[in-house]
N, C-alpha and C. Protein backbone atom coordinates (compact mmCIF):
# COMPACT_ATOMS: atom_id res chain seq x y z
N MET A 1 8.06 1.03 -16.05
CA MET A 1 7.34 1.13 -14.76
C MET A 1 5.78 0.99 -14.91
N ARG A 2 5.15 0.19 -13.96
CA ARG A 2 3.73 0.14 -14.30
C ARG A 2 2.97 0.94 -13.13
N TYR A 3 1.79 1.34 -13.37
CA TYR A 3 1.07 2.26 -12.44
C TYR A 3 -0.31 1.63 -12.27
N LEU A 4 -0.77 1.81 -11.07
CA LEU A 4 -2.10 1.20 -10.79
C LEU A 4 -3.00 2.44 -10.59
N VAL A 5 -4.20 2.28 -11.37
CA VAL A 5 -5.24 3.36 -11.33
C VAL A 5 -6.24 2.64 -10.27
N LEU A 6 -6.21 3.41 -9.12
CA LEU A 6 -7.12 2.89 -8.05
C LEU A 6 -8.63 3.06 -8.25
N GLY A 7 -8.93 3.92 -9.01
CA GLY A 7 -10.47 4.06 -9.19
C GLY A 7 -11.06 2.80 -9.86
N VAL A 8 -10.33 1.99 -10.54
CA VAL A 8 -10.80 0.71 -11.25
C VAL A 8 -10.43 -0.40 -10.30
N SER A 9 -9.21 -0.40 -9.57
CA SER A 9 -8.64 -1.59 -8.87
C SER A 9 -9.09 -1.54 -7.34
N LEU A 10 -9.59 -0.39 -6.67
CA LEU A 10 -9.78 -0.37 -5.30
C LEU A 10 -10.71 -1.33 -4.73
N PRO A 11 -11.64 -1.72 -5.39
CA PRO A 11 -12.72 -2.62 -4.70
C PRO A 11 -12.19 -4.00 -4.66
N PHE A 12 -11.06 -4.49 -5.47
CA PHE A 12 -10.60 -5.67 -5.54
C PHE A 12 -9.43 -5.82 -4.33
N LEU A 13 -9.07 -4.63 -3.85
CA LEU A 13 -7.95 -4.60 -2.91
C LEU A 13 -8.26 -4.42 -1.37
N ILE A 14 -9.37 -3.86 -1.40
CA ILE A 14 -9.87 -3.41 0.01
C ILE A 14 -10.79 -4.45 0.55
N GLY A 15 -10.39 -4.85 1.78
CA GLY A 15 -11.22 -5.96 2.48
C GLY A 15 -12.27 -5.24 3.44
N CYS A 16 -12.52 -5.78 4.50
CA CYS A 16 -13.64 -5.34 5.41
C CYS A 16 -13.24 -3.92 6.20
N GLY A 17 -13.97 -3.09 6.18
CA GLY A 17 -13.57 -1.80 6.83
C GLY A 17 -12.72 -0.90 5.95
N ASN A 18 -11.69 -0.36 6.70
CA ASN A 18 -10.75 0.48 6.07
C ASN A 18 -9.36 -0.30 5.93
N SER A 19 -9.28 -1.44 5.54
CA SER A 19 -7.98 -2.23 5.44
C SER A 19 -7.82 -2.67 4.04
N ILE A 20 -6.49 -2.81 3.75
CA ILE A 20 -6.18 -3.42 2.46
C ILE A 20 -5.89 -4.94 2.71
N LYS A 21 -6.37 -5.67 1.76
CA LYS A 21 -6.22 -7.22 1.87
C LYS A 21 -4.72 -7.50 2.10
N PRO A 22 -4.47 -8.50 2.97
CA PRO A 22 -3.12 -8.81 3.34
C PRO A 22 -2.23 -9.00 2.04
N ASN A 23 -0.94 -8.59 2.19
CA ASN A 23 -0.06 -8.70 1.23
C ASN A 23 -0.37 -8.01 -0.20
N ALA A 24 -1.33 -7.06 -0.24
CA ALA A 24 -1.77 -6.33 -1.39
C ALA A 24 -0.51 -5.76 -1.91
N ASP A 25 -0.55 -5.82 -3.34
CA ASP A 25 0.57 -5.16 -4.08
C ASP A 25 0.05 -3.92 -4.75
N LEU A 26 0.45 -2.74 -4.08
CA LEU A 26 0.31 -1.52 -4.52
C LEU A 26 1.43 -0.74 -5.11
N THR A 27 2.38 -1.32 -5.75
CA THR A 27 3.57 -0.93 -6.27
C THR A 27 3.26 0.13 -7.29
N ALA A 28 3.96 1.32 -6.96
CA ALA A 28 3.83 2.53 -7.75
C ALA A 28 2.37 3.06 -7.96
N ALA A 29 1.57 2.75 -6.93
CA ALA A 29 0.18 3.22 -7.06
C ALA A 29 0.05 4.72 -6.75
N TYR A 30 -0.88 5.39 -7.31
CA TYR A 30 -1.03 6.91 -7.10
C TYR A 30 -2.13 6.96 -6.13
N LEU A 31 -1.65 7.37 -4.84
CA LEU A 31 -2.52 7.71 -3.81
C LEU A 31 -2.35 9.04 -3.13
N ASN A 32 -1.98 10.10 -4.00
CA ASN A 32 -1.65 11.46 -3.55
C ASN A 32 -3.02 11.92 -3.07
N ASP A 33 -2.94 12.72 -1.99
CA ASP A 33 -4.08 13.29 -1.41
C ASP A 33 -5.12 12.39 -0.88
N ALA A 34 -4.84 11.06 -0.79
CA ALA A 34 -5.92 9.96 -0.42
C ALA A 34 -6.20 10.08 1.01
N ASN A 35 -7.39 9.76 1.45
CA ASN A 35 -7.85 9.74 2.81
C ASN A 35 -7.72 8.20 3.31
N LEU A 36 -6.63 7.92 3.83
CA LEU A 36 -6.43 6.47 4.43
C LEU A 36 -6.16 6.48 5.86
N LYS A 37 -6.95 7.47 6.47
CA LYS A 37 -6.80 7.64 8.10
C LYS A 37 -7.23 6.30 8.60
N GLN A 38 -6.34 5.97 9.61
CA GLN A 38 -6.61 4.64 10.46
C GLN A 38 -6.85 3.47 9.72
N SER A 39 -6.29 3.41 8.50
CA SER A 39 -6.21 2.24 7.54
C SER A 39 -5.27 1.15 8.04
N ASP A 40 -5.55 -0.12 7.74
CA ASP A 40 -4.73 -1.12 8.12
C ASP A 40 -3.89 -1.62 6.71
N LEU A 41 -2.71 -1.03 6.61
CA LEU A 41 -1.95 -1.13 5.40
C LEU A 41 -0.62 -2.15 5.80
N GLY A 42 -0.82 -2.94 6.97
CA GLY A 42 0.37 -3.74 7.37
C GLY A 42 0.63 -4.86 6.34
N TYR A 43 1.90 -4.96 6.07
CA TYR A 43 2.40 -5.96 5.02
C TYR A 43 2.17 -5.66 3.67
N ALA A 44 1.63 -4.59 3.30
CA ALA A 44 1.32 -4.15 1.87
C ALA A 44 2.66 -3.83 1.20
N ASN A 45 2.60 -4.06 -0.06
CA ASN A 45 3.85 -3.53 -0.86
C ASN A 45 3.32 -2.23 -1.52
N LEU A 46 3.84 -1.04 -0.99
CA LEU A 46 3.82 0.12 -1.45
C LEU A 46 5.09 0.83 -2.07
N CYS A 47 5.94 -0.10 -2.53
CA CYS A 47 7.13 0.38 -3.11
C CYS A 47 6.95 1.28 -4.34
N GLU A 48 7.53 2.42 -4.26
CA GLU A 48 7.51 3.42 -5.27
C GLU A 48 6.03 3.94 -5.30
N ALA A 49 5.32 3.91 -4.32
CA ALA A 49 3.95 4.46 -4.27
C ALA A 49 3.91 5.99 -4.12
N HIS A 50 2.94 6.64 -4.61
CA HIS A 50 2.75 7.97 -4.58
C HIS A 50 1.75 8.37 -3.63
N LEU A 51 2.33 8.90 -2.44
CA LEU A 51 1.28 9.12 -1.30
C LEU A 51 1.64 10.59 -0.88
N ARG A 52 1.90 11.55 -1.72
CA ARG A 52 2.00 12.90 -1.41
C ARG A 52 0.84 13.47 -0.79
N SER A 53 0.94 14.21 0.26
CA SER A 53 -0.20 14.78 1.15
C SER A 53 -1.35 13.78 1.50
N ALA A 54 -1.02 12.47 1.65
CA ALA A 54 -2.09 11.54 1.94
C ALA A 54 -2.41 11.59 3.40
N ASP A 55 -3.41 11.40 3.93
CA ASP A 55 -3.91 11.32 5.32
C ASP A 55 -3.76 9.92 5.79
N LEU A 56 -2.71 9.53 6.49
CA LEU A 56 -2.38 8.38 7.06
C LEU A 56 -2.50 8.31 8.56
N ARG A 57 -3.09 9.20 9.02
CA ARG A 57 -3.13 9.49 10.65
C ARG A 57 -3.68 8.19 11.26
N GLY A 58 -2.82 7.60 12.25
CA GLY A 58 -3.29 6.55 12.98
C GLY A 58 -3.26 5.22 12.26
N SER A 59 -2.75 5.25 11.12
CA SER A 59 -2.81 4.02 10.33
C SER A 59 -1.79 2.87 10.65
N ASN A 60 -1.96 1.71 10.43
CA ASN A 60 -1.07 0.58 10.58
C ASN A 60 -0.33 0.27 9.32
N LEU A 61 0.94 0.66 9.42
CA LEU A 61 1.89 0.36 8.19
C LEU A 61 3.10 -0.43 8.74
N THR A 62 2.89 -1.37 9.67
CA THR A 62 3.90 -2.31 10.18
C THR A 62 4.23 -3.30 9.07
N HIS A 63 5.47 -3.53 9.01
CA HIS A 63 6.12 -4.45 8.11
C HIS A 63 5.61 -4.19 6.65
N THR A 64 5.43 -2.98 6.33
CA THR A 64 5.04 -2.53 5.06
C THR A 64 6.27 -2.05 4.10
N ASN A 65 6.27 -2.55 2.84
CA ASN A 65 7.40 -2.10 2.06
C ASN A 65 7.04 -0.67 1.36
N LEU A 66 7.84 0.42 1.76
CA LEU A 66 7.58 1.53 1.18
C LEU A 66 8.90 2.10 0.62
N GLN A 67 9.62 1.25 -0.01
CA GLN A 67 10.92 1.66 -0.53
C GLN A 67 10.69 2.67 -1.67
N ASP A 68 11.36 3.73 -1.71
CA ASP A 68 11.19 4.85 -2.79
C ASP A 68 10.01 5.31 -2.86
N ALA A 69 8.93 5.15 -1.87
CA ALA A 69 7.73 5.87 -1.90
C ALA A 69 7.86 7.23 -1.80
N ASP A 70 6.99 8.09 -2.30
CA ASP A 70 7.00 9.69 -2.08
C ASP A 70 5.75 9.87 -1.16
N MET A 71 6.21 10.31 0.19
CA MET A 71 5.22 10.49 1.11
C MET A 71 5.52 11.87 1.59
N SER A 72 6.03 12.65 0.76
CA SER A 72 6.11 14.19 0.96
C SER A 72 4.87 14.68 1.48
N LYS A 73 4.84 15.61 2.62
CA LYS A 73 3.80 16.26 3.10
C LYS A 73 2.70 15.41 3.60
N ALA A 74 2.90 14.15 3.68
CA ALA A 74 1.80 13.23 4.23
C ALA A 74 1.73 13.25 5.70
N ASP A 75 0.41 13.10 6.10
CA ASP A 75 0.25 13.26 7.66
C ASP A 75 0.25 11.89 8.13
N LEU A 76 1.25 11.51 9.05
CA LEU A 76 1.18 10.16 9.58
C LEU A 76 1.24 10.25 11.06
N ASP A 77 0.57 11.23 11.60
CA ASP A 77 0.44 11.50 12.97
C ASP A 77 0.00 10.29 13.78
N GLY A 78 0.74 9.67 14.62
CA GLY A 78 0.33 8.46 15.38
C GLY A 78 0.23 7.18 14.66
N ALA A 79 0.82 7.17 13.44
CA ALA A 79 0.77 5.98 12.66
C ALA A 79 1.94 4.90 13.19
N GLY A 80 1.69 3.79 12.84
CA GLY A 80 2.58 2.71 13.26
C GLY A 80 3.40 2.05 12.02
N LEU A 81 4.66 2.38 12.13
CA LEU A 81 5.59 2.03 10.82
C LEU A 81 6.70 1.15 11.39
N SER A 82 6.44 0.44 12.38
CA SER A 82 7.65 -0.38 13.01
C SER A 82 7.81 -1.66 12.06
N PHE A 83 9.13 -1.91 11.84
CA PHE A 83 9.63 -2.96 10.97
C PHE A 83 9.36 -2.55 9.40
N SER A 84 8.95 -1.42 9.22
CA SER A 84 8.77 -1.00 7.70
C SER A 84 10.04 -0.72 7.09
N ASP A 85 10.01 -1.01 5.71
CA ASP A 85 11.18 -0.65 4.87
C ASP A 85 10.83 0.58 4.05
N LEU A 86 11.44 1.66 4.62
CA LEU A 86 11.32 3.13 4.04
C LEU A 86 12.79 3.49 3.42
N ASN A 87 13.35 2.50 2.93
CA ASN A 87 14.70 2.75 2.17
C ASN A 87 14.43 3.71 0.98
N GLY A 88 15.21 4.77 0.99
CA GLY A 88 15.01 5.74 -0.14
C GLY A 88 13.72 6.49 -0.21
N ALA A 89 12.91 6.38 0.71
CA ALA A 89 11.55 7.06 0.74
C ALA A 89 11.69 8.54 0.86
N LYS A 90 10.70 9.24 0.30
CA LYS A 90 10.75 10.78 0.39
C LYS A 90 9.83 10.97 1.52
N LEU A 91 10.11 11.64 2.50
CA LEU A 91 9.21 12.15 3.62
C LEU A 91 9.48 13.51 3.81
N ILE A 92 9.69 14.28 2.78
CA ILE A 92 9.98 15.77 2.91
C ILE A 92 8.70 16.47 3.52
N SER A 93 8.96 17.13 4.59
CA SER A 93 7.93 17.99 5.24
C SER A 93 6.67 17.18 5.68
N ALA A 94 6.97 15.79 5.95
CA ALA A 94 5.99 14.95 6.43
C ALA A 94 5.74 15.27 7.93
N ASN A 95 4.44 14.95 8.39
CA ASN A 95 4.08 14.97 9.82
C ASN A 95 4.24 13.61 10.32
N LEU A 96 5.33 13.39 11.09
CA LEU A 96 5.54 12.09 11.66
C LEU A 96 5.50 12.19 13.29
N ILE A 97 4.69 13.09 13.96
CA ILE A 97 4.54 13.18 15.20
C ILE A 97 4.11 12.04 15.94
N GLY A 98 4.82 11.54 16.99
CA GLY A 98 4.37 10.33 17.67
C GLY A 98 4.42 9.18 16.89
N VAL A 99 4.94 9.04 15.71
CA VAL A 99 4.92 7.82 14.88
C VAL A 99 6.01 6.67 15.49
N ASP A 100 5.55 5.50 15.45
CA ASP A 100 6.25 4.44 15.87
C ASP A 100 7.19 3.78 14.75
N LEU A 101 8.49 4.27 14.68
CA LEU A 101 9.35 3.89 13.65
C LEU A 101 10.44 2.88 14.14
N SER A 102 10.04 2.08 15.21
CA SER A 102 11.07 1.18 15.91
C SER A 102 11.26 0.03 14.87
N PHE A 103 12.65 -0.14 14.83
CA PHE A 103 13.17 -1.19 13.90
C PHE A 103 12.79 -0.98 12.29
N ALA A 104 12.50 0.28 12.15
CA ALA A 104 12.27 0.60 10.65
C ALA A 104 13.53 0.90 9.95
N ASP A 105 13.60 0.74 8.67
CA ASP A 105 14.70 0.95 7.83
C ASP A 105 14.47 2.34 7.13
N LEU A 106 15.13 3.30 7.57
CA LEU A 106 15.06 4.70 6.93
C LEU A 106 16.25 4.81 6.14
N GLY A 107 17.12 3.95 5.81
CA GLY A 107 18.31 4.15 4.99
C GLY A 107 18.15 4.98 3.75
N GLY A 108 18.85 6.00 3.64
CA GLY A 108 18.79 6.91 2.51
C GLY A 108 17.54 7.68 2.28
N ALA A 109 16.54 7.67 3.40
CA ALA A 109 15.25 8.42 3.26
C ALA A 109 15.59 9.84 3.46
N ASP A 110 14.69 10.68 2.72
CA ASP A 110 14.96 12.16 2.79
C ASP A 110 13.83 12.59 3.67
N LEU A 111 14.14 13.04 4.76
CA LEU A 111 13.45 13.49 5.96
C LEU A 111 13.54 15.06 6.13
N THR A 112 13.95 15.67 4.98
CA THR A 112 14.16 17.14 5.03
C THR A 112 12.78 17.83 5.50
N GLY A 113 13.03 18.64 6.66
CA GLY A 113 11.85 19.36 7.11
C GLY A 113 10.73 18.57 7.76
N ALA A 114 10.97 17.29 8.09
CA ALA A 114 9.95 16.21 8.66
C ALA A 114 9.77 16.60 10.13
N VAL A 115 8.47 16.64 10.62
CA VAL A 115 8.25 16.83 11.94
C VAL A 115 8.16 15.44 12.55
N MET A 116 9.18 15.14 13.35
CA MET A 116 9.25 13.76 14.01
C MET A 116 9.17 13.77 15.51
N SER A 117 8.74 14.93 16.05
CA SER A 117 8.72 15.08 17.58
C SER A 117 7.99 13.94 18.24
N SER A 118 8.63 13.39 19.30
CA SER A 118 8.05 12.29 20.06
C SER A 118 7.85 11.01 19.26
N ALA A 119 8.57 10.79 18.16
CA ALA A 119 8.67 9.58 17.33
C ALA A 119 9.50 8.50 18.12
N ASN A 120 9.12 7.31 17.96
CA ASN A 120 9.90 6.16 18.43
C ASN A 120 10.89 5.70 17.30
N LEU A 121 12.07 6.04 17.59
CA LEU A 121 13.16 5.61 16.48
C LEU A 121 13.97 4.54 17.18
N LYS A 122 13.48 3.75 18.07
CA LYS A 122 14.26 2.70 18.78
C LYS A 122 14.73 1.74 17.75
N GLN A 123 16.02 1.46 17.63
CA GLN A 123 16.67 0.49 16.75
C GLN A 123 16.38 0.79 15.35
N ALA A 124 16.01 1.99 15.02
CA ALA A 124 15.75 2.34 13.56
C ALA A 124 17.07 2.68 12.90
N ASN A 125 17.09 2.29 11.59
CA ASN A 125 18.21 2.52 10.66
C ASN A 125 18.03 3.88 9.98
N LEU A 126 18.92 4.82 10.23
CA LEU A 126 18.83 6.02 9.54
C LEU A 126 20.02 6.32 8.65
N ARG A 127 20.78 5.22 8.35
CA ARG A 127 22.03 5.38 7.68
C ARG A 127 21.83 6.20 6.28
N LYS A 128 22.53 7.14 6.15
CA LYS A 128 22.45 8.04 4.91
C LYS A 128 21.23 8.80 4.77
N ALA A 129 20.42 8.79 5.84
CA ALA A 129 19.08 9.54 5.86
C ALA A 129 19.44 11.11 5.79
N ASN A 130 18.63 11.87 5.15
CA ASN A 130 18.78 13.36 5.13
C ASN A 130 17.85 13.95 6.12
N LEU A 131 18.37 14.49 7.29
CA LEU A 131 17.78 14.95 8.44
C LEU A 131 17.81 16.61 8.48
N THR A 132 18.08 17.26 7.37
CA THR A 132 18.20 18.60 7.28
C THR A 132 16.90 19.25 7.74
N HIS A 133 16.92 20.03 8.78
CA HIS A 133 15.71 20.80 9.19
C HIS A 133 14.58 19.88 9.83
N ALA A 134 14.88 18.76 9.95
CA ALA A 134 14.05 17.74 10.66
C ALA A 134 13.88 18.13 12.09
N ASN A 135 12.62 17.93 12.61
CA ASN A 135 12.54 18.24 14.14
C ASN A 135 12.32 16.87 14.82
N LEU A 136 13.35 16.47 15.58
CA LEU A 136 13.45 15.37 16.28
C LEU A 136 13.36 15.49 17.88
N SER A 137 12.58 16.58 18.19
CA SER A 137 12.59 16.74 19.68
C SER A 137 11.66 15.77 20.35
N GLY A 138 12.22 15.38 21.41
CA GLY A 138 11.55 14.42 22.25
C GLY A 138 11.41 12.97 21.64
N ALA A 139 12.23 12.75 20.63
CA ALA A 139 12.10 11.33 19.86
C ALA A 139 13.05 10.34 20.77
N ASN A 140 12.43 9.25 20.70
CA ASN A 140 13.30 8.15 21.37
C ASN A 140 14.34 7.59 20.44
N LEU A 141 15.53 7.70 20.78
CA LEU A 141 16.80 7.37 19.91
C LEU A 141 17.49 5.99 20.34
N ALA A 142 16.88 5.32 21.13
CA ALA A 142 17.68 4.16 21.80
C ALA A 142 17.91 3.14 20.74
N GLY A 143 19.27 2.89 20.52
CA GLY A 143 19.82 2.05 19.64
C GLY A 143 19.62 2.34 18.18
N ALA A 144 19.37 3.54 17.94
CA ALA A 144 19.19 4.12 16.49
C ALA A 144 20.49 4.19 15.83
N PHE A 145 20.59 3.95 14.51
CA PHE A 145 21.77 3.96 13.73
C PHE A 145 21.75 5.28 12.95
N LEU A 146 22.66 6.38 13.50
CA LEU A 146 22.49 7.56 12.78
C LEU A 146 23.78 7.86 12.09
N ARG A 147 24.84 6.82 12.17
CA ARG A 147 25.89 7.14 11.50
C ARG A 147 25.89 7.32 9.95
N TYR A 148 26.53 8.18 9.41
CA TYR A 148 26.47 8.48 7.88
C TYR A 148 25.25 9.19 7.57
N SER A 149 24.38 9.66 8.50
CA SER A 149 23.25 10.42 8.09
C SER A 149 23.68 11.83 7.68
N VAL A 150 23.11 12.55 6.95
CA VAL A 150 23.41 13.97 6.58
C VAL A 150 22.41 14.99 7.06
N GLY A 151 23.01 16.18 7.18
CA GLY A 151 22.16 17.29 7.77
C GLY A 151 21.60 17.25 9.04
N TRP A 152 22.38 16.23 10.00
CA TRP A 152 21.92 16.04 11.30
C TRP A 152 22.30 17.26 12.14
N ASP A 153 23.38 18.04 11.67
CA ASP A 153 23.79 19.35 12.39
C ASP A 153 22.83 20.52 12.14
N LYS A 154 21.88 20.25 11.34
CA LYS A 154 20.82 21.32 10.92
C LYS A 154 19.47 20.92 11.53
N ALA A 155 19.42 19.83 12.10
CA ALA A 155 18.10 19.26 12.68
C ALA A 155 17.89 19.61 14.13
N THR A 156 16.63 19.67 14.65
CA THR A 156 16.39 19.97 15.94
C THR A 156 16.22 18.76 16.71
N TRP A 157 17.16 18.73 17.86
CA TRP A 157 17.11 17.50 18.73
C TRP A 157 16.74 17.71 20.02
N THR A 158 16.23 18.96 20.63
CA THR A 158 16.03 19.22 21.94
C THR A 158 15.14 18.20 22.53
N GLY A 159 15.45 17.77 23.58
CA GLY A 159 14.65 16.74 24.45
C GLY A 159 14.55 15.36 23.93
N ALA A 160 15.27 15.14 22.79
CA ALA A 160 15.29 13.68 22.27
C ALA A 160 16.20 12.83 23.22
N TYR A 161 16.09 11.56 23.34
CA TYR A 161 16.77 10.93 24.51
C TYR A 161 17.05 9.62 23.88
N TYR A 162 17.95 8.94 24.68
CA TYR A 162 18.55 7.63 24.34
C TYR A 162 18.75 6.80 25.71
N ASP A 163 18.77 5.50 25.52
CA ASP A 163 18.91 4.68 26.75
C ASP A 163 20.45 4.12 26.59
N PRO A 164 21.31 4.31 27.62
CA PRO A 164 22.67 3.71 27.44
C PRO A 164 22.85 2.27 27.24
N GLU A 165 21.66 1.50 27.59
CA GLU A 165 21.61 -0.05 27.51
C GLU A 165 21.53 -0.30 25.91
N TYR A 166 20.91 0.67 25.22
CA TYR A 166 20.85 0.43 23.69
C TYR A 166 21.70 1.56 23.00
N PRO A 167 22.93 1.31 22.91
CA PRO A 167 23.84 2.42 22.25
C PRO A 167 23.44 3.06 21.00
N VAL A 168 23.56 4.20 20.89
CA VAL A 168 23.06 4.91 19.54
C VAL A 168 24.41 4.94 18.77
N GLN A 169 24.35 4.72 17.57
CA GLN A 169 25.52 4.92 16.59
C GLN A 169 25.38 6.32 15.96
N TRP A 170 26.08 7.36 16.63
CA TRP A 170 26.00 8.71 16.39
C TRP A 170 26.82 9.13 15.08
N PRO A 171 26.30 10.09 14.43
CA PRO A 171 27.19 10.66 13.34
C PRO A 171 28.53 10.95 13.78
N LYS A 172 29.40 10.92 12.95
CA LYS A 172 30.89 11.34 13.15
C LYS A 172 30.98 12.64 13.60
N GLY A 173 31.56 13.05 14.78
CA GLY A 173 31.70 14.33 15.22
C GLY A 173 30.49 14.95 15.95
N MET A 174 29.48 14.22 16.24
CA MET A 174 28.27 14.70 16.86
C MET A 174 28.53 14.38 18.36
N ASP A 175 28.34 15.44 19.06
CA ASP A 175 28.25 15.57 20.59
C ASP A 175 26.80 15.65 20.87
N PRO A 176 25.98 14.51 21.32
CA PRO A 176 24.63 14.68 21.47
C PRO A 176 24.26 15.77 22.69
N THR A 177 25.06 15.92 23.57
CA THR A 177 24.61 16.92 24.65
C THR A 177 24.62 18.39 24.19
N LYS A 178 25.39 18.68 23.05
CA LYS A 178 25.41 19.93 22.62
C LYS A 178 24.03 20.32 21.87
N PHE A 179 23.41 19.19 21.44
CA PHE A 179 22.15 19.33 20.81
C PHE A 179 20.96 19.17 21.57
N GLY A 180 21.15 19.04 22.84
CA GLY A 180 20.01 18.85 23.72
C GLY A 180 19.51 17.48 23.93
N ILE A 181 20.24 16.55 23.43
CA ILE A 181 19.77 15.11 23.58
C ILE A 181 20.24 14.57 24.99
N VAL A 182 19.35 14.00 25.67
CA VAL A 182 19.52 13.56 27.02
C VAL A 182 19.55 12.05 27.10
N GLU A 183 20.33 11.55 28.12
CA GLU A 183 20.38 10.10 28.57
C GLU A 183 19.19 9.94 29.51
N LYS A 184 18.42 8.79 29.20
CA LYS A 184 17.23 8.53 29.83
C LYS A 184 17.24 7.10 30.14
N LYS A 185 17.46 6.71 31.35
CA LYS A 185 17.36 5.18 31.64
C LYS A 185 16.05 4.67 31.85
N ARG A 186 15.87 3.55 31.52
CA ARG A 186 14.61 2.82 31.69
C ARG A 186 14.18 2.64 33.15
N ALA A 187 12.90 2.84 33.42
CA ALA A 187 12.52 2.68 34.84
C ALA A 187 12.61 1.19 35.31
N GLU A 188 13.08 1.04 36.41
CA GLU A 188 13.24 -0.36 36.99
C GLU A 188 12.04 -1.04 37.28
């Protein structure tokens, strides 16, 4: 496994402002505790990156490869992660309030204790994701794939909603109404 030491390489990766050059390869980079607030990391390869406790508030991470990345305790408040690959990522106790995870692949991700209130999970894949003690209150679940997720019965779902036009694939045995999940139709 290779590791990137950013103190040496960062000037070659950063473009104008707070953005990473398009298609930057930051595989296994150590970015723990990094201040990447409002950064443009779209389309970057952050596979196996170490982003523990990183400040990514308001950052653009759309179409970003974050497979097996460790983002535990990272602050992603208001970040955009649509179409991102978070397969196997660790998001333990991460702040994902208001995050756009539409069409994201969170298959096998560890979301234990993550705060995902008001997150957009439209068409997101959460197959085999660990949702133990995750807070999904007020989250948009339209078309989300939750089947085979684990710990869903220990998560907080109050006020989460779905649109019947975009069927949700619920975990086996889950009655959404018992968890405070409501049907919300699109405004005409």
